[in-house]
Amino acid sequence: MPLVFADEVRCVAEVDSSHVGIARRRNRVSITRQKKERDIRIHRRLELRVYGPLGPEIAHRLERLELDLRALDARLAALAQRIGDAPLLFSHPVYQYLIQRYELNARSVHWEPGEPPDETMFAELDAILGAHPARWMIWEGVPLPATVRALRARGVDSLVFDPGANTPAEGDFLTVMEDNARTLEGAFVRDDERVDE
């Protein structure tokens, strides 16, 4: 099937030579609109072929998901602005997507939340902190209380940011990420939002 449509050809053929510049701009807008409308019609036909009668519902849910993910991205971007260049530590090298996307000033170690770090691991951490004085370590799960205490003694507090690698007991990926955003918002409160305790 050719990709040229009769309406598009007719628009071009009707261009009056005395108004060529204006007509060309209008034609480009008209053709673009027609192509978009054509793409929507093709998309709807494909939805029906692939998904059957559920196609419109799936498309609606996909659209809502995309809006929710864009809102989450904007929320995390605002948090990254708030964090700025503050040095951060991540307990595990699974956060590179977060570090890159939001341009965080971060270093990673390879610690498990349910396992106590040994002396070698703390020595490596102390070396990192010498050049990268982070006040927060972000974990994939709740760290052991003894680990939290040892980090606090070094001036480092702990936060959990679940990377969402597994299906959560409740909710879905988006609710996990929204919980993560709330956790970060609570930790990185702007100075003008601080409440004296």
Protein backbone atom coordinates (compact mmCIF):
# COMPACT_ATOMS: atom_id res chain seq x y z
CA MET A 1 0.00 0.00 0.00
CA PRO A 2 1.54 3.40 -0.97
CA LEU A 3 2.10 5.96 1.80
CA VAL A 4 0.72 8.90 -0.24
CA PHE A 5 -2.90 9.69 0.43
CA ALA A 6 -5.38 11.38 -1.91
CA ASP A 7 -6.08 14.25 0.53
CA GLU A 8 -2.39 15.08 0.69
CA VAL A 9 -2.01 15.06 -3.10
CA ARG A 10 -5.16 17.20 -3.53
CA CYS A 11 -3.81 19.80 -1.02
CA VAL A 12 -0.56 20.10 -2.93
CA ALA A 13 -2.33 20.29 -6.32
CA GLU A 14 -4.62 23.12 -5.18
CA VAL A 15 -1.77 25.46 -4.25
CA ASP A 16 -2.27 28.82 -5.92
CA SER A 17 1.01 30.04 -7.39
CA SER A 18 0.48 33.57 -5.99
CA HIS A 19 0.30 32.28 -2.43
CA VAL A 20 2.90 29.53 -2.60
CA GLY A 21 4.71 30.38 0.66
CA ILE A 22 1.55 30.56 2.79
CA ALA A 23 0.02 27.54 1.08
CA ARG A 24 3.13 25.43 1.63
CA ARG A 25 3.14 26.23 5.37
CA ARG A 26 -0.57 25.42 5.61
CA ASN A 27 -0.04 22.24 3.62
CA ARG A 28 2.78 21.14 5.92
CA VAL A 29 0.53 21.67 8.94
CA SER A 30 -2.38 19.98 7.20
CA ILE A 31 -0.27 17.04 6.04
CA THR A 32 1.27 16.65 9.49
CA ARG A 33 -2.19 16.65 11.07
CA GLN A 34 -3.43 14.14 8.50
CA LYS A 35 -0.44 11.88 9.12
CA LYS A 36 -1.04 12.02 12.86
CA GLU A 37 -4.72 11.19 12.39
CA ARG A 38 -3.75 8.36 10.01
CA ASP A 39 -1.24 7.03 12.57
CA ILE A 40 -3.93 7.07 15.26
CA ARG A 41 -6.33 5.14 12.98
CA ILE A 42 -3.63 2.56 12.18
CA HIS A 43 -2.74 2.26 15.87
CA ARG A 44 -6.38 1.64 16.79
CA ARG A 45 -6.74 -1.02 14.09
CA LEU A 46 -3.58 -2.76 15.32
CA GLU A 47 -4.85 -2.60 18.90
CA LEU A 48 -8.00 -4.40 17.86
CA ARG A 49 -6.05 -7.05 15.94
CA VAL A 50 -3.52 -7.67 18.72
CA TYR A 51 -5.63 -7.15 21.85
CA GLY A 52 -9.11 -7.70 20.54
CA PRO A 53 -11.92 -5.85 22.31
CA LEU A 54 -9.60 -5.07 25.26
CA GLY A 55 -7.41 -2.87 23.04
CA PRO A 56 -8.96 0.47 24.04
CA GLU A 57 -8.76 -0.41 27.76
CA ILE A 58 -5.12 -1.48 27.43
CA ALA A 59 -4.32 1.73 25.53
CA HIS A 60 -6.05 3.79 28.23
CA ARG A 61 -4.10 2.05 31.00
CA LEU A 62 -0.85 2.48 29.09
CA GLU A 63 -1.55 6.18 28.71
CA ARG A 64 -2.25 6.52 32.45
CA LEU A 65 0.93 4.60 33.28
CA GLU A 66 2.98 6.85 31.03
CA LEU A 67 1.54 9.95 32.75
CA ASP A 68 2.26 8.45 36.19
CA LEU A 69 5.85 7.60 35.21
CA ARG A 70 6.41 11.09 33.82
CA ALA A 71 5.10 12.59 37.09
CA LEU A 72 7.39 10.31 39.10
CA ASP A 73 10.35 11.31 36.93
CA ALA A 74 9.57 15.00 37.49
CA ARG A 75 9.30 14.39 41.24
CA LEU A 76 12.66 12.58 41.36
CA ALA A 77 14.26 15.27 39.18
CA ALA A 78 13.07 17.93 41.66
CA LEU A 79 14.56 15.87 44.49
CA ALA A 80 17.86 15.59 42.61
CA GLN A 81 17.88 19.38 42.30
CA ARG A 82 17.31 19.61 46.04
CA ILE A 83 20.15 17.13 46.72
CA GLY A 84 22.44 19.00 44.35
CA ASP A 85 26.10 17.99 44.56
CA ALA A 86 25.81 16.56 48.06
CA PRO A 87 27.89 13.37 48.19
CA LEU A 88 25.87 10.16 48.56
CA LEU A 89 26.74 6.53 49.19
CA PHE A 90 24.83 3.59 47.80
CA SER A 91 25.08 0.25 49.56
CA HIS A 92 24.95 -1.75 46.36
CA PRO A 93 25.87 -1.20 42.69
CA VAL A 94 22.25 -1.47 41.50
CA TYR A 95 21.52 2.25 41.46
CA GLN A 96 23.51 3.30 38.40
CA TYR A 97 20.29 4.12 36.52
CA LEU A 98 19.27 6.50 39.31
CA ILE A 99 22.75 8.02 39.61
CA GLN A 100 23.05 8.61 35.85
CA ARG A 101 19.50 9.80 35.19
CA TYR A 102 19.54 12.38 37.99
CA GLU A 103 23.27 13.16 37.85
CA LEU A 104 23.86 12.34 41.52
CA ASN A 105 27.27 12.72 43.13
CA ALA A 106 27.47 9.14 44.36
CA ARG A 107 29.78 6.23 45.11
CA SER A 108 28.73 2.62 45.57
CA VAL A 109 29.97 -0.12 47.83
CA HIS A 110 28.80 -3.73 47.77
CA TRP A 111 27.09 -4.32 51.10
CA GLU A 112 24.05 -6.49 51.76
CA PRO A 113 21.46 -5.07 54.18
CA GLY A 114 21.08 -8.34 56.09
CA GLU A 115 24.80 -9.05 56.46
CA PRO A 116 27.20 -7.28 58.84
CA PRO A 117 30.12 -5.57 57.04
CA ASP A 118 33.56 -6.83 58.09
CA GLU A 119 36.60 -4.72 59.04
CA THR A 120 37.90 -4.69 55.46
CA MET A 121 34.59 -3.32 54.21
CA PHE A 122 34.61 -0.58 56.87
CA ALA A 123 38.23 0.27 55.98
CA GLU A 124 37.21 0.65 52.31
CA LEU A 125 34.27 2.79 53.38
CA ASP A 126 36.50 5.01 55.53
CA ALA A 127 38.80 5.54 52.52
CA ILE A 128 35.81 6.51 50.37
CA LEU A 129 34.51 8.88 53.05
CA GLY A 130 37.92 10.58 53.18
CA ALA A 131 37.48 11.77 49.59
CA HIS A 132 33.68 11.66 49.40
CA PRO A 133 32.19 12.88 52.72
CA ALA A 134 28.67 11.51 52.32
CA ARG A 135 26.07 11.99 55.05
CA TRP A 136 23.65 9.39 53.63
CA MET A 137 23.93 5.77 52.57
CA ILE A 138 21.05 4.52 50.48
CA TRP A 139 20.15 0.84 50.89
CA GLU A 140 18.02 -1.58 48.89
CA GLY A 141 16.58 -2.99 52.14
CA VAL A 142 16.62 -2.20 55.85
CA PRO A 143 20.19 -2.58 57.16
CA LEU A 144 21.06 -4.33 60.42
CA PRO A 145 20.84 -2.10 63.52
CA ALA A 146 24.56 -2.67 64.29
CA THR A 147 25.44 -1.48 60.77
CA VAL A 148 23.27 1.61 61.18
CA ARG A 149 25.05 2.42 64.47
CA ALA A 150 28.51 1.92 62.94
CA LEU A 151 27.60 4.22 60.06
CA ARG A 152 26.16 6.87 62.39
CA ALA A 153 29.43 6.84 64.32
CA ARG A 154 31.01 7.90 60.99
CA GLY A 155 28.39 10.63 60.44
CA VAL A 156 26.42 8.64 57.87
CA ASP A 157 22.67 8.04 58.16
CA SER A 158 20.79 5.30 56.32
CA LEU A 159 17.82 5.43 53.94
CA VAL A 160 16.03 2.65 52.09
CA PHE A 161 15.34 3.13 48.36
CA ASP A 162 13.89 -0.12 47.10
CA PRO A 163 15.01 -0.60 43.48
CA GLY A 164 11.81 -2.55 42.80
CA ALA A 165 13.55 -5.61 41.38
CA ASN A 166 11.01 -8.00 42.90
CA THR A 167 7.22 -7.99 42.93
CA PRO A 168 6.17 -6.15 46.10
CA ALA A 169 3.91 -7.78 48.70
CA GLU A 170 1.50 -4.85 48.23
CA GLY A 171 1.10 -2.40 45.38
CA ASP A 172 3.23 -2.35 42.26
CA PHE A 173 6.43 -0.85 40.89
CA LEU A 174 4.93 2.63 40.83
CA THR A 175 3.80 2.51 44.48
CA VAL A 176 7.29 1.29 45.47
CA MET A 177 8.86 4.22 43.62
CA GLU A 178 6.40 6.69 45.17
CA ASP A 179 7.36 5.37 48.63
CA ASN A 180 11.01 5.85 47.69
CA ALA A 181 10.34 9.43 46.61
CA ARG A 182 8.58 10.14 49.94
CA THR A 183 11.57 8.73 51.81
CA LEU A 184 13.97 10.97 49.90
CA GLU A 185 11.70 13.99 50.33
CA GLY A 186 11.71 13.41 54.09
CA ALA A 187 15.49 13.16 54.23
CA PHE A 188 16.34 16.00 51.89
CA VAL A 189 14.10 18.73 53.23
CA ARG A 190 14.93 22.21 51.96
CA ASP A 191 16.18 24.61 54.63
CA ASP A 192 13.03 26.74 54.25
CA GLU A 193 10.87 23.67 54.93
CA ARG A 194 12.66 22.51 58.08
CA VAL A 195 10.64 22.35 61.27
CA ASP A 196 12.65 23.00 64.42
CA GLU A 197 12.49 20.06 66.76
